Every structure is written in C-alpha cells, then in structure tokens.
Amino acid sequence: MEENQKIIVVPWDFTPVAENALAHAAKISRMVRNEVCLLHIVDKGIKPNEEGEKKVLLAHVAEESSKKYNMPIGAEISKGSIFSAIADFVNEKDASLVVMGTHGMKGMQKLTGSWALKVIVKSKVPFIVVQDPPLAQERYHNIVFPVDFKKENKEKTKMAIYMGKFFESKIHIIVTTSTDPSILKKTKVNLNFAIRYLIQNNIEYEIHEIPKGNFPQQTLDFAQRINADLILIVTTKNITFADYMVGASEQYIIANSSKIPVCCVNPKASFANTSQFMGGWGA
C-alpha cells in the first residue's frame, strides 16, 4: 500500500455479508481509484500462534480477492473491540470510506441496539453499510437524500456531491412539511443549501415532497418505490445509550428490510477533500 494512498476499508469477519461489502468496495474503488483494505479485528489477549494463523488466512483472502476483482487488495489486523478498533484504524489511516456488512436487526443486535451504529459514530470517516451484494457494477444510479431541520444535514451534501461526481448519480431529495415555523425555516435553509451546491457541481437532482409523518419509514418507503441504490443519512450527534436500546432513527434505516445500502456520515466527518466541489465550504 503506497504512502498517503487513500484507502477504502472493509471490516472483515469471514462471513458472507463481509463478502458483500467487499463487492461494493470493489465497485467504488474502480470509480474513485482508492485501494481496498480488509481489516480484521482480534481480541487484545489473542495468543501469538492464533494471531499468526489469522494473518495467514486474511492474507490468503486478500490475495484471492485481488485476483477475483482484478485490483490490489490489502489486509490488516488490529487488536481491540470492534466498537473502537475499526474507528481507530480508519481515523489513523485517514481512510476515504468504510464499507461494512451487517445482518440487519436480528438476534443479539436487536436486543442490545445496532452494533453497526456503535461502530459508525466513533469514526470520522463515512460508512456505507450493506446487507446484499451490489445490484450493478457500473454505478449507484439513484441516491435518496432526506432533508430535515437539523444543521448536520449540510454534512451530507459533501457526500452527495462526492457520489454524484464519481458515479453520475441522480440525487433524490425528499422533504416533509411542518406546521412549526421554526422547523420549516430550518428545513428550507438546508434544502436551499443542498440545491445550491448540487447545481454548482452539475449534479442531477429531483425534489420530492412527502406528507408529514414517520420520516424514517417514509424515507425507506420512498427508497423502495424508486428502487434506490443508496440512502444517504447523517448520524445523530452525541448519540446516547437510550438511542442504542430504543433504536435511533439511523439504526432503523441502516437495518432496513429492503436491504438498501445506507451511507452514514457523521457530523464533521473527514473523508474526501471536497473543497474543490464546495467552493471552499467545509474544507
């Protein structure tokens, strides 16, 4: 792996959903020309011989995957908990993106809250969370971009432009009405901000107004109707233990039963250099 080479990290646990994540990462790599790196997390107390076996096995997977996708794929092992080690690795390496597989909400994950969300919120790097392999290898055609009143919405605009530039995606902005003047004003500010920069960067977009209601569910319903390739969301700032237990709206979207990939951007995320797209904003 070259020094200062941007990488796309795929957390690897030797499961089929990790394979699905790698397929998405390979798809993205072809467009953005970032190297893919498999990351396997092991316990801090692992015995040296067991760690050695893991390294050999992971190196074999990386070698076979390189042949399969006809691109260089690296392999790294980090020690610690998945809830911190993945974020520590990608933050230190200044990765451009993480593509992670998840089984959705079932089993222990449903009882303890989304482990995927716990991993994501510690990272400065955007995550694309997937359940199935990509439908097409060419590009992400349709991206759903929900806009509400939260100021963190602006962070998503960077990612929308990033994806739009590299994949020639169409951005489907969805907004809902509100009877609260303050909420309505903040939503309009966010909407106008997104439109301004999408136009500035020649990104195709369409605005869809939906009735007031359960916005996360409406987002999923809309994404399913248009056969979306990706949903773009921003994570809750300062997420609490209660969010993990009850289920933050992001968790609900990430684990959607339609298995649509979800791109999660944390507030103040540091991923690709988008200052060239944003006129200096957020650089």
C-alpha atoms as a PDB file:
ATOM      1  CA  MET A   1       0.000   0.000   0.000  1.00  0.00           C
ATOM      2  CA  GLU A   2       1.558   3.305  -1.064  1.00  0.00           C
ATOM      3  CA  GLU A   3       2.287   6.010   1.490  1.00  0.00           C
ATOM      4  CA  ASN A   4      -0.547   8.597   1.606  1.00  0.00           C
ATOM      5  CA  GLN A   5      -2.669   6.364  -0.635  1.00  0.00           C
ATOM      6  CA  LYS A   6      -6.344   6.806   0.212  1.00  0.00           C
ATOM      7  CA  ILE A   7      -7.973   3.516   1.127  1.00  0.00           C
ATOM      8  CA  ILE A   8     -11.450   2.035   1.328  1.00  0.00           C
ATOM      9  CA  VAL A   9     -11.645  -0.159   4.410  1.00  0.00           C
ATOM     10  CA  VAL A  10     -13.768  -3.309   4.603  1.00  0.00           C
ATOM     11  CA  PRO A  11     -14.167  -4.740   8.132  1.00  0.00           C
ATOM     12  CA  TRP A  12     -13.638  -8.466   7.612  1.00  0.00           C
ATOM     13  CA  ASP A  13     -15.095 -11.260   9.752  1.00  0.00           C
ATOM     14  CA  PHE A  14     -15.019 -14.092   7.178  1.00  0.00           C
ATOM     15  CA  THR A  15     -18.824 -14.010   6.722  1.00  0.00           C
ATOM     16  CA  PRO A  16     -20.978 -13.715   3.573  1.00  0.00           C
ATOM     17  CA  VAL A  17     -22.010 -10.143   4.480  1.00  0.00           C
ATOM     18  CA  ALA A  18     -18.322  -9.182   4.555  1.00  0.00           C
ATOM     19  CA  GLU A  19     -18.034 -10.637   1.044  1.00  0.00           C
ATOM     20  CA  ASN A  20     -20.997  -8.471   0.018  1.00  0.00           C
ATOM     21  CA  ALA A  21     -19.299  -5.414   1.483  1.00  0.00           C
ATOM     22  CA  LEU A  22     -16.128  -6.202  -0.454  1.00  0.00           C
ATOM     23  CA  ALA A  23     -18.126  -6.394  -3.687  1.00  0.00           C
ATOM     24  CA  HIS A  24     -19.447  -2.879  -3.021  1.00  0.00           C
ATOM     25  CA  ALA A  25     -15.975  -1.636  -2.084  1.00  0.00           C
ATOM     26  CA  ALA A  26     -14.537  -3.030  -5.318  1.00  0.00           C
ATOM     27  CA  LYS A  27     -17.274  -1.264  -7.250  1.00  0.00           C
ATOM     28  CA  ILE A  28     -16.461   2.045  -5.571  1.00  0.00           C
ATOM     29  CA  SER A  29     -12.711   1.500  -5.909  1.00  0.00           C
ATOM     30  CA  ARG A  30     -12.979   1.248  -9.679  1.00  0.00           C
ATOM     31  CA  MET A  31     -14.566   4.701  -9.780  1.00  0.00           C
ATOM     32  CA  VAL A  32     -12.553   6.614  -7.164  1.00  0.00           C
ATOM     33  CA  ARG A  33      -9.265   4.693  -7.657  1.00  0.00           C
ATOM     34  CA  ASN A  34      -8.665   4.093  -3.955  1.00  0.00           C
ATOM     35  CA  GLU A  35      -7.084   0.846  -2.829  1.00  0.00           C
ATOM     36  CA  VAL A  36      -9.239  -1.582  -0.847  1.00  0.00           C
ATOM     37  CA  CYS A  37      -8.039  -2.862   2.525  1.00  0.00           C
ATOM     38  CA  LEU A  38      -9.552  -5.729   4.516  1.00  0.00           C
ATOM     39  CA  LEU A  39      -9.473  -5.098   8.269  1.00  0.00           C
ATOM     40  CA  HIS A  40      -9.866  -7.944  10.755  1.00  0.00           C
ATOM     41  CA  ILE A  41     -10.224  -7.213  14.463  1.00  0.00           C
ATOM     42  CA  VAL A  42      -8.847  -9.644  17.033  1.00  0.00           C
ATOM     43  CA  ASP A  43      -9.017  -9.664  20.813  1.00  0.00           C
ATOM     44  CA  LYS A  44      -6.161  -7.968  22.659  1.00  0.00           C
ATOM     45  CA  GLY A  45      -5.473 -11.187  24.541  1.00  0.00           C
ATOM     46  CA  ILE A  46      -5.108 -13.349  21.438  1.00  0.00           C
ATOM     47  CA  LYS A  47      -2.289 -15.889  21.556  1.00  0.00           C
ATOM     48  CA  PRO A  48       0.618 -15.272  19.145  1.00  0.00           C
ATOM     49  CA  ASN A  49       0.084 -18.541  17.254  1.00  0.00           C
ATOM     50  CA  GLU A  50      -3.638 -17.784  16.816  1.00  0.00           C
ATOM     51  CA  GLU A  51      -2.832 -14.279  15.596  1.00  0.00           C
ATOM     52  CA  GLY A  52      -0.345 -15.724  13.143  1.00  0.00           C
ATOM     53  CA  GLU A  53      -2.979 -18.108  11.789  1.00  0.00           C
ATOM     54  CA  LYS A  54      -5.417 -15.208  11.367  1.00  0.00           C
ATOM     55  CA  LYS A  55      -2.816 -13.195   9.447  1.00  0.00           C
ATOM     56  CA  VAL A  56      -2.127 -16.079   7.089  1.00  0.00           C
ATOM     57  CA  LEU A  57      -5.817 -16.698   6.490  1.00  0.00           C
ATOM     58  CA  LEU A  58      -6.552 -12.992   5.938  1.00  0.00           C
ATOM     59  CA  ALA A  59      -3.604 -12.650   3.554  1.00  0.00           C
ATOM     60  CA  HIS A  60      -4.955 -15.602   1.561  1.00  0.00           C
ATOM     61  CA  VAL A  61      -8.397 -13.984   1.357  1.00  0.00           C
ATOM     62  CA  ALA A  62      -6.847 -10.710   0.188  1.00  0.00           C
ATOM     63  CA  GLU A  63      -4.779 -12.495  -2.467  1.00  0.00           C
ATOM     64  CA  GLU A  64      -7.775 -14.439  -3.811  1.00  0.00           C
ATOM     65  CA  SER A  65      -9.954 -11.312  -3.745  1.00  0.00           C
ATOM     66  CA  SER A  66      -7.305  -9.370  -5.659  1.00  0.00           C
ATOM     67  CA  LYS A  67      -7.490 -11.970  -8.412  1.00  0.00           C
ATOM     68  CA  LYS A  68     -11.293 -12.048  -8.341  1.00  0.00           C
ATOM     69  CA  TYR A  69     -11.723  -8.285  -8.669  1.00  0.00           C
ATOM     70  CA  ASN A  70      -8.525  -7.639 -10.631  1.00  0.00           C
ATOM     71  CA  MET A  71      -7.309  -4.930  -8.274  1.00  0.00           C
ATOM     72  CA  PRO A  72      -4.867  -4.634  -5.362  1.00  0.00           C
ATOM     73  CA  ILE A  73      -6.478  -5.538  -2.028  1.00  0.00           C
ATOM     74  CA  GLY A  74      -4.544  -5.151   1.200  1.00  0.00           C
ATOM     75  CA  ALA A  75      -5.024  -6.830   4.574  1.00  0.00           C
ATOM     76  CA  GLU A  76      -4.529  -5.524   8.110  1.00  0.00           C
ATOM     77  CA  ILE A  77      -5.171  -6.890  11.602  1.00  0.00           C
ATOM     78  CA  SER A  78      -5.911  -4.656  14.594  1.00  0.00           C
ATOM     79  CA  LYS A  79      -6.364  -5.592  18.231  1.00  0.00           C
ATOM     80  CA  GLY A  80      -9.269  -4.445  20.385  1.00  0.00           C
ATOM     81  CA  SER A  81     -13.043  -4.191  20.368  1.00  0.00           C
ATOM     82  CA  ILE A  82     -14.846  -3.755  17.052  1.00  0.00           C
ATOM     83  CA  PHE A  83     -16.631  -0.790  18.661  1.00  0.00           C
ATOM     84  CA  SER A  84     -13.387   1.184  18.852  1.00  0.00           C
ATOM     85  CA  ALA A  85     -10.677  -0.605  16.842  1.00  0.00           C
ATOM     86  CA  ILE A  86     -12.319  -0.072  13.446  1.00  0.00           C
ATOM     87  CA  ALA A  87     -12.787   3.652  14.072  1.00  0.00           C
ATOM     88  CA  ASP A  88      -9.264   3.986  15.466  1.00  0.00           C
ATOM     89  CA  PHE A  89      -7.793   2.314  12.377  1.00  0.00           C
ATOM     90  CA  VAL A  90      -9.699   4.310   9.749  1.00  0.00           C
ATOM     91  CA  ASN A  91      -9.194   7.598  11.587  1.00  0.00           C
ATOM     92  CA  GLU A  92      -5.449   6.986  11.893  1.00  0.00           C
ATOM     93  CA  LYS A  93      -5.124   5.919   8.250  1.00  0.00           C
ATOM     94  CA  ASP A  94      -7.325   8.809   7.078  1.00  0.00           C
ATOM     95  CA  ALA A  95      -9.365   6.375   5.007  1.00  0.00           C
ATOM     96  CA  SER A  96     -11.750   7.785   2.429  1.00  0.00           C
ATOM     97  CA  LEU A  97     -14.589   5.385   3.206  1.00  0.00           C
ATOM     98  CA  VAL A  98     -15.594   2.268   5.132  1.00  0.00           C
ATOM     99  CA  VAL A  99     -17.860  -0.336   3.544  1.00  0.00           C
ATOM    100  CA  MET A 100     -19.278  -2.644   6.198  1.00  0.00           C
ATOM    101  CA  GLY A 101     -21.612  -5.614   6.017  1.00  0.00           C
ATOM    102  CA  THR A 102     -24.406  -6.113   8.535  1.00  0.00           C
ATOM    103  CA  HIS A 103     -27.146  -8.666   9.089  1.00  0.00           C
ATOM    104  CA  GLY A 104     -29.735  -6.022   9.932  1.00  0.00           C
ATOM    105  CA  MET A 105     -31.685  -6.042  13.183  1.00  0.00           C
ATOM    106  CA  LYS A 106     -31.953  -9.556  14.474  1.00  0.00           C
ATOM    107  CA  GLY A 107     -30.563 -11.772  17.184  1.00  0.00           C
ATOM    108  CA  MET A 108     -28.467 -10.091  19.840  1.00  0.00           C
ATOM    109  CA  GLN A 109     -28.192  -6.939  17.752  1.00  0.00           C
ATOM    110  CA  LYS A 110     -31.905  -6.349  18.154  1.00  0.00           C
ATOM    111  CA  LEU A 111     -31.654  -6.802  21.929  1.00  0.00           C
ATOM    112  CA  THR A 112     -28.647  -4.596  22.537  1.00  0.00           C
ATOM    113  CA  GLY A 113     -29.057  -1.980  19.843  1.00  0.00           C
ATOM    114  CA  SER A 114     -27.331  -1.742  16.490  1.00  0.00           C
ATOM    115  CA  TRP A 115     -23.665  -2.689  16.826  1.00  0.00           C
ATOM    116  CA  ALA A 116     -23.194  -1.175  13.382  1.00  0.00           C
ATOM    117  CA  LEU A 117     -24.267   2.226  14.690  1.00  0.00           C
ATOM    118  CA  LYS A 118     -21.918   1.898  17.676  1.00  0.00           C
ATOM    119  CA  VAL A 119     -19.024   1.367  15.290  1.00  0.00           C
ATOM    120  CA  ILE A 120     -20.022   4.171  12.940  1.00  0.00           C
ATOM    121  CA  VAL A 121     -20.463   7.011  15.438  1.00  0.00           C
ATOM    122  CA  LYS A 122     -16.845   6.762  16.634  1.00  0.00           C
ATOM    123  CA  SER A 123     -15.466   7.330  13.152  1.00  0.00           C
ATOM    124  CA  LYS A 124     -14.534  10.487  11.278  1.00  0.00           C
ATOM    125  CA  VAL A 125     -14.934   8.521   8.065  1.00  0.00           C
ATOM    126  CA  PRO A 126     -18.272   7.879   6.285  1.00  0.00           C
ATOM    127  CA  PHE A 127     -19.606   4.320   6.311  1.00  0.00           C
ATOM    128  CA  ILE A 128     -21.607   2.545   3.652  1.00  0.00           C
ATOM    129  CA  VAL A 129     -23.499  -0.255   5.381  1.00  0.00           C
ATOM    130  CA  VAL A 130     -24.697  -3.096   3.164  1.00  0.00           C
ATOM    131  CA  GLN A 131     -26.586  -6.348   3.562  1.00  0.00           C
ATOM    132  CA  ASP A 132     -26.600  -7.724  -0.003  1.00  0.00           C
ATOM    133  CA  PRO A 133     -24.107  -7.578  -2.889  1.00  0.00           C
ATOM    134  CA  PRO A 134     -24.471  -4.652  -5.323  1.00  0.00           C
ATOM    135  CA  LEU A 135     -27.194  -4.917  -7.938  1.00  0.00           C
ATOM    136  CA  ALA A 136     -24.981  -3.474 -10.653  1.00  0.00           C
ATOM    137  CA  GLN A 137     -21.270  -2.939 -11.039  1.00  0.00           C
ATOM    138  CA  GLU A 138     -21.476   0.267 -13.061  1.00  0.00           C
ATOM    139  CA  ARG A 139     -22.646   2.910 -10.602  1.00  0.00           C
ATOM    140  CA  TYR A 140     -25.120   3.963  -7.942  1.00  0.00           C
ATOM    141  CA  HIS A 141     -27.877   5.315 -10.151  1.00  0.00           C
ATOM    142  CA  ASN A 142     -30.362   6.707  -7.612  1.00  0.00           C
ATOM    143  CA  ILE A 143     -29.443   8.085  -4.189  1.00  0.00           C
ATOM    144  CA  VAL A 144     -32.090   9.103  -1.659  1.00  0.00           C
ATOM    145  CA  PHE A 145     -31.179  12.255   0.241  1.00  0.00           C
ATOM    146  CA  PRO A 146     -33.607  13.039   3.092  1.00  0.00           C
ATOM    147  CA  VAL A 147     -33.541  16.672   4.253  1.00  0.00           C
ATOM    148  CA  ASP A 148     -34.899  17.830   7.608  1.00  0.00           C
ATOM    149  CA  PHE A 149     -34.316  20.734  10.003  1.00  0.00           C
ATOM    150  CA  LYS A 150     -31.073  19.519  11.627  1.00  0.00           C
ATOM    151  CA  LYS A 151     -27.981  21.600  10.905  1.00  0.00           C
ATOM    152  CA  GLU A 152     -25.918  18.414  10.466  1.00  0.00           C
ATOM    153  CA  ASN A 153     -27.759  17.901   7.161  1.00  0.00           C
ATOM    154  CA  LYS A 154     -25.140  20.054   5.474  1.00  0.00           C
ATOM    155  CA  GLU A 155     -22.550  17.351   6.105  1.00  0.00           C
ATOM    156  CA  LYS A 156     -24.458  15.010   3.787  1.00  0.00           C
ATOM    157  CA  THR A 157     -24.209  17.452   0.909  1.00  0.00           C
ATOM    158  CA  LYS A 158     -20.479  16.803   0.630  1.00  0.00           C
ATOM    159  CA  MET A 159     -21.066  13.088   0.271  1.00  0.00           C
ATOM    160  CA  ALA A 160     -23.912  13.579  -2.204  1.00  0.00           C
ATOM    161  CA  ILE A 161     -21.592  15.602  -4.426  1.00  0.00           C
ATOM    162  CA  TYR A 162     -18.760  13.112  -3.960  1.00  0.00           C
ATOM    163  CA  MET A 163     -21.000  10.257  -5.103  1.00  0.00           C
ATOM    164  CA  GLY A 164     -22.616  12.328  -7.821  1.00  0.00           C
ATOM    165  CA  LYS A 165     -19.262  13.317  -9.297  1.00  0.00           C
ATOM    166  CA  PHE A 166     -17.805   9.827  -9.402  1.00  0.00           C
ATOM    167  CA  PHE A 167     -20.935   7.791 -10.154  1.00  0.00           C
ATOM    168  CA  GLU A 168     -23.041  10.305 -12.099  1.00  0.00           C
ATOM    169  CA  SER A 169     -25.818   9.521  -9.645  1.00  0.00           C
ATOM    170  CA  LYS A 170     -29.180  11.229  -9.522  1.00  0.00           C
ATOM    171  CA  ILE A 171     -29.887  12.686  -6.069  1.00  0.00           C
ATOM    172  CA  HIS A 172     -33.498  12.321  -4.925  1.00  0.00           C
ATOM    173  CA  ILE A 173     -34.092  14.933  -2.241  1.00  0.00           C
ATOM    174  CA  ILE A 174     -37.078  14.183  -0.016  1.00  0.00           C
ATOM    175  CA  VAL A 175     -38.551  16.755   2.358  1.00  0.00           C
ATOM    176  CA  THR A 176     -41.612  16.774   4.551  1.00  0.00           C
ATOM    177  CA  THR A 177     -43.875  19.671   5.516  1.00  0.00           C
ATOM    178  CA  SER A 178     -44.183  21.019   9.053  1.00  0.00           C
ATOM    179  CA  THR A 179     -46.645  23.295  10.850  1.00  0.00           C
ATOM    180  CA  ASP A 180     -43.849  24.580  13.105  1.00  0.00           C
ATOM    181  CA  PRO A 181     -42.481  27.823  11.543  1.00  0.00           C
ATOM    182  CA  SER A 182     -39.032  27.338  13.100  1.00  0.00           C
ATOM    183  CA  ILE A 183     -38.664  23.773  11.814  1.00  0.00           C
ATOM    184  CA  LEU A 184     -39.992  24.767   8.401  1.00  0.00           C
ATOM    185  CA  LYS A 185     -37.482  27.636   8.153  1.00  0.00           C
ATOM    186  CA  LYS A 186     -34.518  25.431   9.129  1.00  0.00           C
ATOM    187  CA  THR A 187     -35.605  22.748   6.659  1.00  0.00           C
ATOM    188  CA  LYS A 188     -35.812  25.296   3.850  1.00  0.00           C
ATOM    189  CA  VAL A 189     -32.335  26.595   4.682  1.00  0.00           C
ATOM    190  CA  ASN A 190     -30.930  23.057   4.452  1.00  0.00           C
ATOM    191  CA  LEU A 191     -32.832  22.380   1.249  1.00  0.00           C
ATOM    192  CA  ASN A 192     -31.604  25.574  -0.409  1.00  0.00           C
ATOM    193  CA  PHE A 193     -28.049  24.816   0.701  1.00  0.00           C
ATOM    194  CA  ALA A 194     -28.150  21.359  -0.876  1.00  0.00           C
ATOM    195  CA  ILE A 195     -29.711  22.626  -4.102  1.00  0.00           C
ATOM    196  CA  ARG A 196     -27.150  25.406  -4.419  1.00  0.00           C
ATOM    197  CA  TYR A 197     -24.172  23.070  -4.336  1.00  0.00           C
ATOM    198  CA  LEU A 198     -25.768  20.337  -6.423  1.00  0.00           C
ATOM    199  CA  ILE A 199     -26.436  22.893  -9.159  1.00  0.00           C
ATOM    200  CA  GLN A 200     -22.939  24.357  -8.779  1.00  0.00           C
ATOM    201  CA  ASN A 201     -21.462  20.903  -9.370  1.00  0.00           C
ATOM    202  CA  ASN A 202     -23.846  19.884 -12.156  1.00  0.00           C
ATOM    203  CA  ILE A 203     -25.322  17.024 -10.138  1.00  0.00           C
ATOM    204  CA  GLU A 204     -28.696  15.808 -11.374  1.00  0.00           C
ATOM    205  CA  TYR A 205     -31.368  16.041  -8.676  1.00  0.00           C
ATOM    206  CA  GLU A 206     -35.095  15.944  -8.096  1.00  0.00           C
ATOM    207  CA  ILE A 207     -37.130  17.196  -5.120  1.00  0.00           C
ATOM    208  CA  HIS A 208     -39.932  15.079  -3.683  1.00  0.00           C
ATOM    209  CA  GLU A 209     -42.313  16.463  -1.055  1.00  0.00           C
ATOM    210  CA  ILE A 210     -43.904  13.889   1.222  1.00  0.00           C
ATOM    211  CA  PRO A 211     -46.657  14.299   3.830  1.00  0.00           C
ATOM    212  CA  LYS A 212     -45.804  14.810   7.477  1.00  0.00           C
ATOM    213  CA  GLY A 213     -45.380  11.517   9.325  1.00  0.00           C
ATOM    214  CA  ASN A 214     -42.766   8.953  10.342  1.00  0.00           C
ATOM    215  CA  PHE A 215     -39.839  10.356   8.362  1.00  0.00           C
ATOM    216  CA  PRO A 216     -37.500   7.327   8.675  1.00  0.00           C
ATOM    217  CA  GLN A 217     -40.244   4.976   7.482  1.00  0.00           C
ATOM    218  CA  GLN A 218     -41.248   7.381   4.712  1.00  0.00           C
ATOM    219  CA  THR A 219     -37.608   7.534   3.622  1.00  0.00           C
ATOM    220  CA  LEU A 220     -37.466   3.748   3.353  1.00  0.00           C
ATOM    221  CA  ASP A 221     -40.829   3.538   1.574  1.00  0.00           C
ATOM    222  CA  PHE A 222     -39.725   6.121  -0.974  1.00  0.00           C
ATOM    223  CA  ALA A 223     -36.343   4.430  -1.497  1.00  0.00           C
ATOM    224  CA  GLN A 224     -38.077   1.145  -2.155  1.00  0.00           C
ATOM    225  CA  ARG A 225     -40.529   2.734  -4.612  1.00  0.00           C
ATOM    226  CA  ILE A 226     -37.781   4.171  -6.797  1.00  0.00           C
ATOM    227  CA  ASN A 227     -35.541   1.107  -6.400  1.00  0.00           C
ATOM    228  CA  ALA A 228     -32.797   3.250  -4.841  1.00  0.00           C
ATOM    229  CA  ASP A 229     -29.188   2.096  -4.855  1.00  0.00           C
ATOM    230  CA  LEU A 230     -28.256   4.059  -1.732  1.00  0.00           C
ATOM    231  CA  ILE A 231     -29.764   6.087   1.109  1.00  0.00           C
ATOM    232  CA  LEU A 232     -27.644   8.946   2.440  1.00  0.00           C
ATOM    233  CA  ILE A 233     -28.098   9.891   6.102  1.00  0.00           C
ATOM    234  CA  VAL A 234     -26.262  11.799   8.821  1.00  0.00           C
ATOM    235  CA  THR A 235     -25.877  10.217  12.246  1.00  0.00           C
ATOM    236  CA  THR A 236     -27.250  11.722  15.429  1.00  0.00           C
ATOM    237  CA  LYS A 237     -24.763  13.946  17.208  1.00  0.00           C
ATOM    238  CA  ASN A 238     -23.951  12.798  20.758  1.00  0.00           C
ATOM    239  CA  ILE A 239     -25.966   9.606  20.463  1.00  0.00           C
ATOM    240  CA  THR A 240     -26.969   8.167  23.840  1.00  0.00           C
ATOM    241  CA  PHE A 241     -27.264   4.722  25.375  1.00  0.00           C
ATOM    242  CA  ALA A 242     -31.039   5.136  25.171  1.00  0.00           C
ATOM    243  CA  ASP A 243     -30.734   5.537  21.398  1.00  0.00           C
ATOM    244  CA  TYR A 244     -28.929   2.199  21.196  1.00  0.00           C
ATOM    245  CA  MET A 245     -31.547   0.470  23.335  1.00  0.00           C
ATOM    246  CA  VAL A 246     -34.695   2.013  21.848  1.00  0.00           C
ATOM    247  CA  GLY A 247     -33.325   2.466  18.361  1.00  0.00           C
ATOM    248  CA  ALA A 248     -32.198   5.752  16.842  1.00  0.00           C
ATOM    249  CA  SER A 249     -33.804   6.592  13.500  1.00  0.00           C
ATOM    250  CA  GLU A 250     -30.468   5.857  11.766  1.00  0.00           C
ATOM    251  CA  GLN A 251     -30.432   2.382  13.264  1.00  0.00           C
ATOM    252  CA  TYR A 252     -33.894   1.777  11.844  1.00  0.00           C
ATOM    253  CA  ILE A 253     -32.796   2.886   8.381  1.00  0.00           C
ATOM    254  CA  ILE A 254     -29.468   1.015   8.461  1.00  0.00           C
ATOM    255  CA  ALA A 255     -31.225  -2.269   9.242  1.00  0.00           C
ATOM    256  CA  ASN A 256     -33.969  -1.791   6.622  1.00  0.00           C
ATOM    257  CA  SER A 257     -35.769  -4.930   5.488  1.00  0.00           C
ATOM    258  CA  SER A 258     -35.436  -3.907   1.825  1.00  0.00           C
ATOM    259  CA  LYS A 259     -31.661  -4.287   2.286  1.00  0.00           C
ATOM    260  CA  ILE A 260     -30.899  -0.997   0.557  1.00  0.00           C
ATOM    261  CA  PRO A 261     -27.309   0.157   1.235  1.00  0.00           C
ATOM    262  CA  VAL A 262     -27.083   3.132   3.596  1.00  0.00           C
ATOM    263  CA  CYS A 263     -24.300   5.715   3.637  1.00  0.00           C
ATOM    264  CA  CYS A 264     -23.803   7.199   7.106  1.00  0.00           C
ATOM    265  CA  VAL A 265     -21.965  10.482   7.516  1.00  0.00           C
ATOM    266  CA  ASN A 266     -21.015  11.620  10.995  1.00  0.00           C
ATOM    267  CA  PRO A 267     -21.167  15.324  11.859  1.00  0.00           C
ATOM    268  CA  LYS A 268     -17.847  16.938  10.964  1.00  0.00           C
ATOM    269  CA  ALA A 269     -16.739  13.814   9.109  1.00  0.00           C
ATOM    270  CA  SER A 270     -13.400  13.957   7.340  1.00  0.00           C
ATOM    271  CA  PHE A 271     -13.439  11.820   4.218  1.00  0.00           C
ATOM    272  CA  ALA A 272     -12.667  13.090   0.733  1.00  0.00           C
ATOM    273  CA  ASN A 273     -11.299  16.551   0.009  1.00  0.00           C
ATOM    274  CA  THR A 274     -14.483  18.172  -1.260  1.00  0.00           C
ATOM    275  CA  SER A 275     -13.373  21.794  -1.047  1.00  0.00           C
ATOM    276  CA  GLN A 276     -12.997  21.724  -4.841  1.00  0.00           C
ATOM    277  CA  PHE A 277     -16.697  20.871  -5.078  1.00  0.00           C
ATOM    278  CA  MET A 278     -17.955  23.130  -2.277  1.00  0.00           C
ATOM    279  CA  GLY A 279     -16.337  26.422  -3.132  1.00  0.00           C
ATOM    280  CA  GLY A 280     -14.190  26.216  -0.008  1.00  0.00           C
ATOM    281  CA  TRP A 281     -17.052  25.347   2.330  1.00  0.00           C
ATOM    282  CA  GLY A 282     -16.139  22.754   4.885  1.00  0.00           C
ATOM    283  CA  ALA A 283     -12.534  22.477   3.777  1.00  0.00           C
END
